[in-house]
Amino acid sequence: MFKFARKNFKLVCIFIIVLFFTHSNADTPYEKYFQEPNATLTKFSDPTNFILVEKESEGPGWRYFESKSQGSKKVILYNHGWSAVGQKYKKLASEGDGTIKSRKYATNRNQQKIADFFGSKSINFYSVLRKDTAIQWRSFSDASEEILRKEAYGKQIEPLEVFYHLTKLAKKELGEDCEICYVGHSAGGASPLFTSMYLKDKNSKHVAMSPENCMLYEDQYRFIEKGKFCDRTFFENKYNSLAKRLTILYGGNEIKTPGPGYTYPSYLMWVNKVKDDEKWLERRKKKWENHYKHTKSYYDKALTFKNPEINVVVVGNLNHTEIAEHTHVNEWGSAVIKACGF
């Protein structure tokens, strides 16, 4: 009787240990915070109809753009930046000439054209248009907990949740042995930073384009102090010790000091708009100088990492928005393909 009890006790202990490690090493960071863990992904019915795309993007589940390459096992799963959340898709996808005036109605980030570029290179491509979680609020003190949590979800959790669903979709359509490369830009670029640390797939690659750090370390789903959801600071110990097969891309213009060669569109737009208001302009210039100071600091910190799994690459002379535009995809897309090992 004693031997039987002892044997069962050992089996129970083994079960608990297995359960613990299974839970502790979950494939997807923050999975417990997912809002739609059983969501269905469907293709946009007409990705060239910008008004219809905007309409279809909301509601249960997610809609996605795709480009399929028959016979290829290579696949890129892409997370766009925050601007695609906070503005209408018609403005996001429409093509302008790059001038300040044209950027008021066209920002050159047509997701289907980006998908088609990679498809032409024999690479499968999937990109979800994330939902509108951008909430307008005057200050941190004015915003309710509910409002802050909604935007925090959009910046910290939703990008990982769509990667989770896209991974399942890719493996279902292309096979379990498909070669996945996780790619993201700006706030969306935070998700490849995190997947490079926590996903157990030993064959996946991760490419963060001009990333911010929105996924907070120590598995905490919260906003940073004073209403700040993302920052540009590496948690050095985490990335240095955990990141695997990670490439960080920057446009050459991003790491320049603001000045005559400083071409961040928002900066130029404000300079042009308020050129007669010197005091206001000086404050705005200081803000963008600080923005670039942090970006440069982020870049410099990445260069100091001793982890051989982390690679830092500068792409031409692109700025923060150009490195995600379909009008420049031949340049930055080629860098992504190389970083993915495709």
C-alpha atoms as a PDB file:
ATOM      1  CA  MET A   1       0.000   0.000   0.000  1.00  0.00           C
ATOM      2  CA  PHE A   2       2.833   2.378   0.933  1.00  0.00           C
ATOM      3  CA  LYS A   3       4.701   1.582  -2.307  1.00  0.00           C
ATOM      4  CA  PHE A   4       1.547   2.234  -4.341  1.00  0.00           C
ATOM      5  CA  ALA A   5       0.983   5.595  -2.640  1.00  0.00           C
ATOM      6  CA  ARG A   6       4.626   6.576  -3.097  1.00  0.00           C
ATOM      7  CA  LYS A   7       4.454   5.650  -6.800  1.00  0.00           C
ATOM      8  CA  ASN A   8       1.306   7.734  -7.293  1.00  0.00           C
ATOM      9  CA  PHE A   9       2.887  10.618  -5.396  1.00  0.00           C
ATOM     10  CA  LYS A  10       5.836  10.568  -7.813  1.00  0.00           C
ATOM     11  CA  LEU A  11       3.477  10.580 -10.791  1.00  0.00           C
ATOM     12  CA  VAL A  12       1.588  13.556  -9.369  1.00  0.00           C
ATOM     13  CA  CYS A  13       4.870  15.437  -8.809  1.00  0.00           C
ATOM     14  CA  ILE A  14       5.993  14.737 -12.372  1.00  0.00           C
ATOM     15  CA  PHE A  15       2.631  15.944 -13.686  1.00  0.00           C
ATOM     16  CA  ILE A  16       2.879  19.181 -11.673  1.00  0.00           C
ATOM     17  CA  ILE A  17       6.435  19.830 -12.890  1.00  0.00           C
ATOM     18  CA  VAL A  18       5.447  19.229 -16.526  1.00  0.00           C
ATOM     19  CA  LEU A  19       2.399  21.475 -16.117  1.00  0.00           C
ATOM     20  CA  PHE A  20       4.557  24.204 -14.556  1.00  0.00           C
ATOM     21  CA  PHE A  21       7.145  24.215 -17.316  1.00  0.00           C
ATOM     22  CA  THR A  22       4.488  23.998 -20.009  1.00  0.00           C
ATOM     23  CA  HIS A  23       2.832  27.089 -18.583  1.00  0.00           C
ATOM     24  CA  SER A  24       6.087  28.933 -17.851  1.00  0.00           C
ATOM     25  CA  ASN A  25       7.407  28.502 -21.380  1.00  0.00           C
ATOM     26  CA  ALA A  26       4.250  29.386 -23.275  1.00  0.00           C
ATOM     27  CA  ASP A  27       4.883  29.889 -26.961  1.00  0.00           C
ATOM     28  CA  THR A  28       3.269  33.316 -26.967  1.00  0.00           C
ATOM     29  CA  PRO A  29       4.156  36.145 -24.570  1.00  0.00           C
ATOM     30  CA  TYR A  30       1.165  37.750 -22.842  1.00  0.00           C
ATOM     31  CA  GLU A  31      -1.219  35.065 -24.095  1.00  0.00           C
ATOM     32  CA  LYS A  32      -3.237  35.360 -20.898  1.00  0.00           C
ATOM     33  CA  TYR A  33      -4.139  38.929 -21.905  1.00  0.00           C
ATOM     34  CA  PHE A  34      -5.456  38.061 -25.371  1.00  0.00           C
ATOM     35  CA  GLN A  35      -8.965  39.365 -25.976  1.00  0.00           C
ATOM     36  CA  GLU A  36      -9.821  36.980 -28.811  1.00  0.00           C
ATOM     37  CA  PRO A  37      -7.775  33.786 -28.324  1.00  0.00           C
ATOM     38  CA  ASN A  38     -10.100  31.830 -30.622  1.00  0.00           C
ATOM     39  CA  ALA A  39     -10.500  34.536 -33.265  1.00  0.00           C
ATOM     40  CA  THR A  40     -10.998  33.839 -36.938  1.00  0.00           C
ATOM     41  CA  LEU A  41      -8.832  35.583 -39.538  1.00  0.00           C
ATOM     42  CA  THR A  42     -10.305  36.334 -42.955  1.00  0.00           C
ATOM     43  CA  LYS A  43      -8.916  38.020 -46.062  1.00  0.00           C
ATOM     44  CA  PHE A  44     -10.105  41.460 -47.056  1.00  0.00           C
ATOM     45  CA  SER A  45     -12.718  41.000 -49.740  1.00  0.00           C
ATOM     46  CA  ASP A  46     -11.138  43.723 -51.893  1.00  0.00           C
ATOM     47  CA  PRO A  47      -7.818  45.121 -50.597  1.00  0.00           C
ATOM     48  CA  THR A  48      -7.797  47.769 -53.344  1.00  0.00           C
ATOM     49  CA  ASN A  49     -11.022  49.335 -52.039  1.00  0.00           C
ATOM     50  CA  PHE A  50      -9.710  51.530 -49.219  1.00  0.00           C
ATOM     51  CA  ILE A  51     -13.154  52.471 -47.860  1.00  0.00           C
ATOM     52  CA  LEU A  52     -14.218  48.823 -47.728  1.00  0.00           C
ATOM     53  CA  VAL A  53     -10.944  47.827 -46.055  1.00  0.00           C
ATOM     54  CA  GLU A  54     -11.553  50.388 -43.307  1.00  0.00           C
ATOM     55  CA  LYS A  55     -15.097  49.099 -42.809  1.00  0.00           C
ATOM     56  CA  GLU A  56     -14.068  45.441 -42.692  1.00  0.00           C
ATOM     57  CA  SER A  57     -11.162  46.037 -40.312  1.00  0.00           C
ATOM     58  CA  GLU A  58     -13.371  46.334 -37.215  1.00  0.00           C
ATOM     59  CA  GLY A  59     -15.537  43.714 -35.529  1.00  0.00           C
ATOM     60  CA  PRO A  60     -14.756  40.209 -34.212  1.00  0.00           C
ATOM     61  CA  GLY A  61     -11.544  38.584 -35.451  1.00  0.00           C
ATOM     62  CA  TRP A  62      -9.121  40.272 -37.812  1.00  0.00           C
ATOM     63  CA  ARG A  63      -8.842  40.832 -41.566  1.00  0.00           C
ATOM     64  CA  TYR A  64      -5.569  40.479 -43.424  1.00  0.00           C
ATOM     65  CA  PHE A  65      -3.681  41.242 -46.626  1.00  0.00           C
ATOM     66  CA  GLU A  66      -1.754  38.461 -48.278  1.00  0.00           C
ATOM     67  CA  SER A  67       0.433  37.494 -51.183  1.00  0.00           C
ATOM     68  CA  LYS A  68       0.982  33.798 -51.815  1.00  0.00           C
ATOM     69  CA  SER A  69       3.914  32.211 -53.632  1.00  0.00           C
ATOM     70  CA  GLN A  70       3.084  28.725 -54.818  1.00  0.00           C
ATOM     71  CA  GLY A  71       5.550  26.091 -53.666  1.00  0.00           C
ATOM     72  CA  SER A  72       7.412  28.442 -51.309  1.00  0.00           C
ATOM     73  CA  LYS A  73       7.729  27.711 -47.606  1.00  0.00           C
ATOM     74  CA  LYS A  74       9.115  31.169 -46.839  1.00  0.00           C
ATOM     75  CA  VAL A  75       6.687  33.513 -45.091  1.00  0.00           C
ATOM     76  CA  ILE A  76       6.774  36.994 -43.582  1.00  0.00           C
ATOM     77  CA  LEU A  77       4.254  37.946 -40.898  1.00  0.00           C
ATOM     78  CA  TYR A  78       4.106  41.733 -40.655  1.00  0.00           C
ATOM     79  CA  ASN A  79       2.950  44.210 -37.991  1.00  0.00           C
ATOM     80  CA  HIS A  80       2.422  47.787 -39.183  1.00  0.00           C
ATOM     81  CA  GLY A  81       3.141  50.897 -37.094  1.00  0.00           C
ATOM     82  CA  TRP A  82       0.790  52.822 -34.831  1.00  0.00           C
ATOM     83  CA  SER A  83      -0.164  55.340 -37.531  1.00  0.00           C
ATOM     84  CA  ALA A  84      -2.158  52.601 -39.275  1.00  0.00           C
ATOM     85  CA  VAL A  85      -4.233  52.298 -36.109  1.00  0.00           C
ATOM     86  CA  GLY A  86      -4.843  55.977 -35.554  1.00  0.00           C
ATOM     87  CA  GLN A  87      -5.740  57.094 -39.092  1.00  0.00           C
ATOM     88  CA  LYS A  88      -8.061  56.007 -41.881  1.00  0.00           C
ATOM     89  CA  TYR A  89      -6.741  53.361 -44.240  1.00  0.00           C
ATOM     90  CA  LYS A  90      -7.476  55.582 -47.246  1.00  0.00           C
ATOM     91  CA  LYS A  91      -4.916  58.097 -46.002  1.00  0.00           C
ATOM     92  CA  LEU A  92      -2.487  55.369 -44.993  1.00  0.00           C
ATOM     93  CA  ALA A  93      -2.552  53.570 -48.341  1.00  0.00           C
ATOM     94  CA  SER A  94      -2.969  56.427 -50.815  1.00  0.00           C
ATOM     95  CA  GLU A  95       0.118  57.445 -52.750  1.00  0.00           C
ATOM     96  CA  GLY A  96       1.415  60.991 -52.750  1.00  0.00           C
ATOM     97  CA  ASP A  97       4.566  62.643 -53.984  1.00  0.00           C
ATOM     98  CA  GLY A  98       6.152  62.764 -50.526  1.00  0.00           C
ATOM     99  CA  THR A  99       5.753  66.521 -50.106  1.00  0.00           C
ATOM    100  CA  ILE A 100       4.377  68.031 -46.911  1.00  0.00           C
ATOM    101  CA  LYS A 101       1.178  68.988 -48.716  1.00  0.00           C
ATOM    102  CA  SER A 102       0.541  65.507 -50.087  1.00  0.00           C
ATOM    103  CA  ARG A 103       1.142  63.829 -46.718  1.00  0.00           C
ATOM    104  CA  LYS A 104      -2.045  65.410 -45.418  1.00  0.00           C
ATOM    105  CA  TYR A 105      -4.019  62.884 -47.476  1.00  0.00           C
ATOM    106  CA  ALA A 106      -1.529  60.197 -48.549  1.00  0.00           C
ATOM    107  CA  THR A 107       1.190  58.445 -46.524  1.00  0.00           C
ATOM    108  CA  ASN A 108       2.262  55.756 -49.011  1.00  0.00           C
ATOM    109  CA  ARG A 109       1.765  52.626 -46.890  1.00  0.00           C
ATOM    110  CA  ASN A 110      -0.439  50.446 -49.049  1.00  0.00           C
ATOM    111  CA  GLN A 111      -0.283  47.075 -47.331  1.00  0.00           C
ATOM    112  CA  GLN A 112      -1.304  45.124 -50.432  1.00  0.00           C
ATOM    113  CA  LYS A 113       1.454  46.702 -52.512  1.00  0.00           C
ATOM    114  CA  ILE A 114       3.940  45.762 -49.809  1.00  0.00           C
ATOM    115  CA  ALA A 115       2.548  42.215 -49.821  1.00  0.00           C
ATOM    116  CA  ASP A 116       2.843  42.027 -53.604  1.00  0.00           C
ATOM    117  CA  PHE A 117       6.498  43.075 -53.474  1.00  0.00           C
ATOM    118  CA  PHE A 118       7.395  40.141 -51.243  1.00  0.00           C
ATOM    119  CA  GLY A 119       5.178  37.822 -53.281  1.00  0.00           C
ATOM    120  CA  SER A 120       7.179  38.769 -56.370  1.00  0.00           C
ATOM    121  CA  LYS A 121      10.281  37.542 -54.526  1.00  0.00           C
ATOM    122  CA  SER A 122       8.747  34.075 -53.948  1.00  0.00           C
ATOM    123  CA  ILE A 123       7.919  34.888 -50.318  1.00  0.00           C
ATOM    124  CA  ASN A 124       4.481  34.424 -48.775  1.00  0.00           C
ATOM    125  CA  PHE A 125       3.262  37.478 -46.878  1.00  0.00           C
ATOM    126  CA  TYR A 126       0.490  38.083 -44.342  1.00  0.00           C
ATOM    127  CA  SER A 127      -0.360  41.386 -42.678  1.00  0.00           C
ATOM    128  CA  VAL A 128      -3.308  42.122 -40.386  1.00  0.00           C
ATOM    129  CA  LEU A 129      -4.806  45.613 -40.201  1.00  0.00           C
ATOM    130  CA  ARG A 130      -5.087  46.082 -36.456  1.00  0.00           C
ATOM    131  CA  LYS A 131      -8.179  47.627 -34.901  1.00  0.00           C
ATOM    132  CA  ASP A 132      -8.700  51.242 -33.877  1.00  0.00           C
ATOM    133  CA  THR A 133      -7.614  51.385 -30.244  1.00  0.00           C
ATOM    134  CA  ALA A 134      -6.199  54.909 -30.492  1.00  0.00           C
ATOM    135  CA  ILE A 135      -8.084  57.010 -27.966  1.00  0.00           C
ATOM    136  CA  GLN A 136      -7.912  60.789 -27.973  1.00  0.00           C
ATOM    137  CA  TRP A 137      -7.384  62.150 -24.472  1.00  0.00           C
ATOM    138  CA  ARG A 138      -6.032  65.482 -23.308  1.00  0.00           C
ATOM    139  CA  SER A 139      -3.742  64.299 -20.552  1.00  0.00           C
ATOM    140  CA  PHE A 140      -2.951  61.266 -18.476  1.00  0.00           C
ATOM    141  CA  SER A 141      -4.960  62.656 -15.534  1.00  0.00           C
ATOM    142  CA  ASP A 142      -8.055  63.128 -17.742  1.00  0.00           C
ATOM    143  CA  ALA A 143      -8.038  59.582 -19.083  1.00  0.00           C
ATOM    144  CA  SER A 144     -10.023  56.849 -17.381  1.00  0.00           C
ATOM    145  CA  GLU A 145      -8.494  53.478 -16.543  1.00  0.00           C
ATOM    146  CA  GLU A 146     -10.705  51.916 -19.226  1.00  0.00           C
ATOM    147  CA  ILE A 147      -9.429  54.282 -21.911  1.00  0.00           C
ATOM    148  CA  LEU A 148      -5.812  53.742 -20.933  1.00  0.00           C
ATOM    149  CA  ARG A 149      -6.226  49.978 -20.888  1.00  0.00           C
ATOM    150  CA  LYS A 150      -7.779  50.023 -24.364  1.00  0.00           C
ATOM    151  CA  GLU A 151      -4.854  51.893 -25.868  1.00  0.00           C
ATOM    152  CA  ALA A 152      -2.366  49.846 -23.855  1.00  0.00           C
ATOM    153  CA  TYR A 153      -3.915  46.693 -25.344  1.00  0.00           C
ATOM    154  CA  GLY A 154      -3.546  48.112 -28.854  1.00  0.00           C
ATOM    155  CA  LYS A 155       0.131  48.906 -28.362  1.00  0.00           C
ATOM    156  CA  GLN A 156       1.321  46.119 -26.086  1.00  0.00           C
ATOM    157  CA  ILE A 157      -0.896  43.089 -26.628  1.00  0.00           C
ATOM    158  CA  GLU A 158      -2.734  43.191 -29.955  1.00  0.00           C
ATOM    159  CA  PRO A 159       0.449  43.007 -32.088  1.00  0.00           C
ATOM    160  CA  LEU A 160       1.415  39.797 -30.299  1.00  0.00           C
ATOM    161  CA  GLU A 161      -2.114  38.460 -30.542  1.00  0.00           C
ATOM    162  CA  VAL A 162      -2.225  38.928 -34.320  1.00  0.00           C
ATOM    163  CA  PHE A 163       1.206  37.289 -34.644  1.00  0.00           C
ATOM    164  CA  TYR A 164      -0.221  34.337 -32.720  1.00  0.00           C
ATOM    165  CA  HIS A 165      -3.166  33.983 -35.105  1.00  0.00           C
ATOM    166  CA  LEU A 166      -1.089  34.642 -38.225  1.00  0.00           C
ATOM    167  CA  THR A 167       1.354  31.932 -37.153  1.00  0.00           C
ATOM    168  CA  LYS A 168      -1.475  29.418 -36.926  1.00  0.00           C
ATOM    169  CA  LEU A 169      -2.806  30.559 -40.305  1.00  0.00           C
ATOM    170  CA  ALA A 170       0.594  30.295 -42.011  1.00  0.00           C
ATOM    171  CA  LYS A 171       1.243  26.807 -40.638  1.00  0.00           C
ATOM    172  CA  LYS A 172      -2.231  25.664 -41.655  1.00  0.00           C
ATOM    173  CA  GLU A 173      -1.875  26.948 -45.230  1.00  0.00           C
ATOM    174  CA  LEU A 174       1.841  26.371 -45.812  1.00  0.00           C
ATOM    175  CA  GLY A 175       2.593  23.477 -43.487  1.00  0.00           C
ATOM    176  CA  GLU A 176       4.154  23.119 -40.059  1.00  0.00           C
ATOM    177  CA  ASP A 177       7.600  23.277 -41.652  1.00  0.00           C
ATOM    178  CA  CYS A 178       7.145  26.752 -43.154  1.00  0.00           C
ATOM    179  CA  GLU A 179       9.986  29.234 -42.485  1.00  0.00           C
ATOM    180  CA  ILE A 180       8.525  32.150 -40.532  1.00  0.00           C
ATOM    181  CA  CYS A 181      10.042  35.611 -40.254  1.00  0.00           C
ATOM    182  CA  TYR A 182       8.326  38.042 -37.865  1.00  0.00           C
ATOM    183  CA  VAL A 183       8.633  41.655 -39.039  1.00  0.00           C
ATOM    184  CA  GLY A 184       7.271  44.909 -37.612  1.00  0.00           C
ATOM    185  CA  HIS A 185       7.700  48.672 -37.875  1.00  0.00           C
ATOM    186  CA  SER A 186       7.811  51.400 -35.187  1.00  0.00           C
ATOM    187  CA  ALA A 187       5.373  50.493 -32.365  1.00  0.00           C
ATOM    188  CA  GLY A 188       4.610  47.361 -34.400  1.00  0.00           C
ATOM    189  CA  GLY A 189       8.356  46.707 -34.402  1.00  0.00           C
ATOM    190  CA  ALA A 190       8.196  46.037 -30.672  1.00  0.00           C
ATOM    191  CA  SER A 191       6.559  42.663 -31.335  1.00  0.00           C
ATOM    192  CA  PRO A 192       9.546  41.098 -33.189  1.00  0.00           C
ATOM    193  CA  LEU A 193      11.795  42.341 -30.370  1.00  0.00           C
ATOM    194  CA  PHE A 194       9.696  40.345 -27.962  1.00  0.00           C
ATOM    195  CA  THR A 195       9.144  37.271 -30.129  1.00  0.00           C
ATOM    196  CA  SER A 196      12.920  37.063 -30.567  1.00  0.00           C
ATOM    197  CA  MET A 197      13.176  36.537 -26.818  1.00  0.00           C
ATOM    198  CA  TYR A 198      10.228  34.335 -25.992  1.00  0.00           C
ATOM    199  CA  LEU A 199       9.059  32.242 -28.942  1.00  0.00           C
ATOM    200  CA  LYS A 200      10.390  28.693 -28.743  1.00  0.00           C
ATOM    201  CA  ASP A 201      10.489  28.134 -32.521  1.00  0.00           C
ATOM    202  CA  LYS A 202      14.199  27.639 -33.157  1.00  0.00           C
ATOM    203  CA  ASN A 203      13.927  28.330 -36.884  1.00  0.00           C
ATOM    204  CA  SER A 204      12.018  31.635 -36.859  1.00  0.00           C
ATOM    205  CA  LYS A 205      13.727  34.962 -37.599  1.00  0.00           C
ATOM    206  CA  HIS A 206      12.764  38.367 -36.206  1.00  0.00           C
ATOM    207  CA  VAL A 207      13.168  41.791 -37.838  1.00  0.00           C
ATOM    208  CA  ALA A 208      12.365  45.020 -35.951  1.00  0.00           C
ATOM    209  CA  MET A 209      12.247  48.095 -38.196  1.00  0.00           C
ATOM    210  CA  SER A 210      12.815  51.406 -36.346  1.00  0.00           C
ATOM    211  CA  PRO A 211      11.275  49.829 -33.245  1.00  0.00           C
ATOM    212  CA  GLU A 212       9.871  51.266 -30.085  1.00  0.00           C
ATOM    213  CA  ASN A 213       9.716  49.171 -26.954  1.00  0.00           C
ATOM    214  CA  CYS A 214       6.018  48.718 -26.170  1.00  0.00           C
ATOM    215  CA  MET A 215       6.045  45.200 -24.733  1.00  0.00           C
ATOM    216  CA  LEU A 216       7.210  45.618 -21.170  1.00  0.00           C
ATOM    217  CA  TYR A 217       9.567  43.198 -19.526  1.00  0.00           C
ATOM    218  CA  GLU A 218       8.720  40.861 -16.624  1.00  0.00           C
ATOM    219  CA  ASP A 219       5.440  39.947 -18.347  1.00  0.00           C
ATOM    220  CA  GLN A 220       3.668  43.088 -17.179  1.00  0.00           C
ATOM    221  CA  TYR A 221       0.662  44.371 -19.073  1.00  0.00           C
ATOM    222  CA  ARG A 222       0.524  48.003 -18.025  1.00  0.00           C
ATOM    223  CA  PHE A 223       1.278  51.483 -19.261  1.00  0.00           C
ATOM    224  CA  ILE A 224       4.469  53.298 -18.370  1.00  0.00           C
ATOM    225  CA  GLU A 225       4.339  56.264 -16.016  1.00  0.00           C
ATOM    226  CA  LYS A 226       2.427  59.424 -16.985  1.00  0.00           C
ATOM    227  CA  GLY A 227       0.486  57.783 -19.786  1.00  0.00           C
ATOM    228  CA  LYS A 228       3.473  56.648 -21.815  1.00  0.00           C
ATOM    229  CA  PHE A 229       2.855  53.298 -23.492  1.00  0.00           C
ATOM    230  CA  CYS A 230       6.075  52.867 -25.460  1.00  0.00           C
ATOM    231  CA  ASP A 231       9.634  54.039 -25.071  1.00  0.00           C
ATOM    232  CA  ARG A 232      12.915  53.738 -26.948  1.00  0.00           C
ATOM    233  CA  THR A 233      14.957  52.115 -24.213  1.00  0.00           C
ATOM    234  CA  PHE A 234      16.410  48.646 -24.436  1.00  0.00           C
ATOM    235  CA  PHE A 235      16.134  46.512 -21.342  1.00  0.00           C
ATOM    236  CA  GLU A 236      19.734  45.527 -21.908  1.00  0.00           C
ATOM    237  CA  ASN A 237      19.959  42.408 -19.776  1.00  0.00           C
ATOM    238  CA  LYS A 238      16.837  40.884 -21.294  1.00  0.00           C
ATOM    239  CA  TYR A 239      17.788  41.437 -24.928  1.00  0.00           C
ATOM    240  CA  ASN A 240      21.418  40.647 -24.420  1.00  0.00           C
ATOM    241  CA  SER A 241      20.691  37.292 -22.825  1.00  0.00           C
ATOM    242  CA  LEU A 242      17.450  36.182 -24.504  1.00  0.00           C
ATOM    243  CA  ALA A 243      17.203  37.545 -28.065  1.00  0.00           C
ATOM    244  CA  LYS A 244      17.651  34.990 -30.837  1.00  0.00           C
ATOM    245  CA  ARG A 245      17.978  35.555 -34.602  1.00  0.00           C
ATOM    246  CA  LEU A 246      17.074  39.246 -34.261  1.00  0.00           C
ATOM    247  CA  THR A 247      17.875  41.989 -36.789  1.00  0.00           C
ATOM    248  CA  ILE A 248      17.150  45.652 -36.016  1.00  0.00           C
ATOM    249  CA  LEU A 249      16.826  47.942 -39.045  1.00  0.00           C
ATOM    250  CA  TYR A 250      17.159  51.731 -39.039  1.00  0.00           C
ATOM    251  CA  GLY A 251      16.898  54.232 -41.847  1.00  0.00           C
ATOM    252  CA  GLY A 252      20.089  56.268 -42.217  1.00  0.00           C
ATOM    253  CA  ASN A 253      18.191  59.533 -41.760  1.00  0.00           C
ATOM    254  CA  GLU A 254      16.740  58.372 -38.442  1.00  0.00           C
ATOM    255  CA  ILE A 255      20.042  58.541 -36.640  1.00  0.00           C
ATOM    256  CA  LYS A 256      21.001  62.015 -37.843  1.00  0.00           C
ATOM    257  CA  THR A 257      20.839  65.062 -35.615  1.00  0.00           C
ATOM    258  CA  PRO A 258      17.881  67.350 -36.519  1.00  0.00           C
ATOM    259  CA  GLY A 259      19.005  69.990 -38.963  1.00  0.00           C
ATOM    260  CA  PRO A 260      19.117  70.648 -42.710  1.00  0.00           C
ATOM    261  CA  GLY A 261      19.330  66.932 -43.479  1.00  0.00           C
ATOM    262  CA  TYR A 262      16.648  65.987 -40.975  1.00  0.00           C
ATOM    263  CA  THR A 263      13.623  64.849 -42.953  1.00  0.00           C
ATOM    264  CA  TYR A 264      11.128  63.333 -40.520  1.00  0.00           C
ATOM    265  CA  PRO A 265       7.849  64.381 -42.222  1.00  0.00           C
ATOM    266  CA  SER A 266       6.068  65.469 -39.039  1.00  0.00           C
ATOM    267  CA  TYR A 267       9.001  67.681 -38.111  1.00  0.00           C
ATOM    268  CA  LEU A 268       9.058  69.355 -41.516  1.00  0.00           C
ATOM    269  CA  MET A 269       5.281  69.737 -41.476  1.00  0.00           C
ATOM    270  CA  TRP A 270       5.328  71.608 -38.178  1.00  0.00           C
ATOM    271  CA  VAL A 271       8.291  73.746 -39.204  1.00  0.00           C
ATOM    272  CA  ASN A 272       6.451  74.746 -42.372  1.00  0.00           C
ATOM    273  CA  LYS A 273       3.142  75.298 -40.614  1.00  0.00           C
ATOM    274  CA  VAL A 274       4.294  77.566 -37.819  1.00  0.00           C
ATOM    275  CA  LYS A 275       7.353  79.225 -39.308  1.00  0.00           C
ATOM    276  CA  ASP A 276       6.146  82.625 -38.047  1.00  0.00           C
ATOM    277  CA  ASP A 277       5.723  81.447 -34.451  1.00  0.00           C
ATOM    278  CA  GLU A 278       9.332  81.259 -33.336  1.00  0.00           C
ATOM    279  CA  LYS A 279       8.673  80.403 -29.677  1.00  0.00           C
ATOM    280  CA  TRP A 280       6.254  77.614 -30.526  1.00  0.00           C
ATOM    281  CA  LEU A 281       8.563  76.336 -33.234  1.00  0.00           C
ATOM    282  CA  GLU A 282      11.502  76.243 -30.845  1.00  0.00           C
ATOM    283  CA  ARG A 283       9.501  74.101 -28.417  1.00  0.00           C
ATOM    284  CA  ARG A 284       8.477  71.762 -31.216  1.00  0.00           C
ATOM    285  CA  LYS A 285      12.018  71.501 -32.532  1.00  0.00           C
ATOM    286  CA  LYS A 286      13.194  70.635 -29.041  1.00  0.00           C
ATOM    287  CA  LYS A 287      10.636  67.833 -28.896  1.00  0.00           C
ATOM    288  CA  TRP A 288      11.818  66.327 -32.184  1.00  0.00           C
ATOM    289  CA  GLU A 289      15.449  66.772 -31.213  1.00  0.00           C
ATOM    290  CA  ASN A 290      14.663  64.812 -28.068  1.00  0.00           C
ATOM    291  CA  HIS A 291      12.844  62.205 -30.160  1.00  0.00           C
ATOM    292  CA  TYR A 292      15.911  61.696 -32.311  1.00  0.00           C
ATOM    293  CA  LYS A 293      18.178  61.742 -29.291  1.00  0.00           C
ATOM    294  CA  HIS A 294      16.313  58.725 -27.955  1.00  0.00           C
ATOM    295  CA  THR A 295      16.335  56.979 -31.327  1.00  0.00           C
ATOM    296  CA  LYS A 296      20.082  57.504 -31.663  1.00  0.00           C
ATOM    297  CA  SER A 297      20.566  56.308 -28.096  1.00  0.00           C
ATOM    298  CA  TYR A 298      18.531  53.192 -28.880  1.00  0.00           C
ATOM    299  CA  TYR A 299      20.647  52.567 -31.971  1.00  0.00           C
ATOM    300  CA  ASP A 300      23.916  53.151 -30.110  1.00  0.00           C
ATOM    301  CA  LYS A 301      22.854  50.838 -27.291  1.00  0.00           C
ATOM    302  CA  ALA A 302      22.016  48.086 -29.782  1.00  0.00           C
ATOM    303  CA  LEU A 303      25.515  48.337 -31.212  1.00  0.00           C
ATOM    304  CA  THR A 304      27.034  47.615 -27.798  1.00  0.00           C
ATOM    305  CA  PHE A 305      25.290  44.280 -27.359  1.00  0.00           C
ATOM    306  CA  LYS A 306      27.621  41.316 -27.167  1.00  0.00           C
ATOM    307  CA  ASN A 307      24.905  38.862 -28.167  1.00  0.00           C
ATOM    308  CA  PRO A 308      25.933  37.457 -31.585  1.00  0.00           C
ATOM    309  CA  GLU A 309      22.254  36.732 -32.272  1.00  0.00           C
ATOM    310  CA  ILE A 310      21.511  40.478 -32.578  1.00  0.00           C
ATOM    311  CA  ASN A 311      22.395  42.256 -35.809  1.00  0.00           C
ATOM    312  CA  VAL A 312      21.963  46.016 -36.415  1.00  0.00           C
ATOM    313  CA  VAL A 313      21.621  47.276 -39.999  1.00  0.00           C
ATOM    314  CA  VAL A 314      21.264  50.802 -41.423  1.00  0.00           C
ATOM    315  CA  VAL A 315      19.167  51.040 -44.595  1.00  0.00           C
ATOM    316  CA  GLY A 316      20.164  53.791 -47.034  1.00  0.00           C
ATOM    317  CA  ASN A 317      19.107  57.299 -46.059  1.00  0.00           C
ATOM    318  CA  LEU A 318      15.478  56.523 -45.236  1.00  0.00           C
ATOM    319  CA  ASN A 319      13.596  58.250 -42.428  1.00  0.00           C
ATOM    320  CA  HIS A 320      11.195  56.716 -39.906  1.00  0.00           C
ATOM    321  CA  THR A 321       8.169  56.676 -42.210  1.00  0.00           C
ATOM    322  CA  GLU A 322       9.959  55.913 -45.474  1.00  0.00           C
ATOM    323  CA  ILE A 323      11.300  52.660 -44.061  1.00  0.00           C
ATOM    324  CA  ALA A 324       7.727  51.323 -44.083  1.00  0.00           C
ATOM    325  CA  GLU A 325       6.347  52.955 -47.253  1.00  0.00           C
ATOM    326  CA  HIS A 326       5.432  50.957 -50.350  1.00  0.00           C
ATOM    327  CA  THR A 327       7.141  53.640 -52.444  1.00  0.00           C
ATOM    328  CA  HIS A 328      10.458  52.627 -50.835  1.00  0.00           C
ATOM    329  CA  VAL A 329       9.775  48.923 -50.371  1.00  0.00           C
ATOM    330  CA  ASN A 330      12.364  47.870 -52.923  1.00  0.00           C
ATOM    331  CA  GLU A 331      15.046  49.345 -50.649  1.00  0.00           C
ATOM    332  CA  TRP A 332      13.855  48.388 -47.181  1.00  0.00           C
ATOM    333  CA  GLY A 333      12.131  45.214 -48.390  1.00  0.00           C
ATOM    334  CA  SER A 334      15.415  43.922 -49.755  1.00  0.00           C
ATOM    335  CA  ALA A 335      17.023  44.528 -46.339  1.00  0.00           C
ATOM    336  CA  VAL A 336      14.171  42.620 -44.665  1.00  0.00           C
ATOM    337  CA  ILE A 337      14.570  39.663 -47.051  1.00  0.00           C
ATOM    338  CA  LYS A 338      18.274  39.483 -46.269  1.00  0.00           C
ATOM    339  CA  ALA A 339      17.633  39.720 -42.522  1.00  0.00           C
ATOM    340  CA  CYS A 340      15.053  36.920 -42.771  1.00  0.00           C
ATOM    341  CA  GLY A 341      17.631  34.727 -44.465  1.00  0.00           C
ATOM    342  CA  PHE A 342      15.465  34.416 -47.558  1.00  0.00           C
END
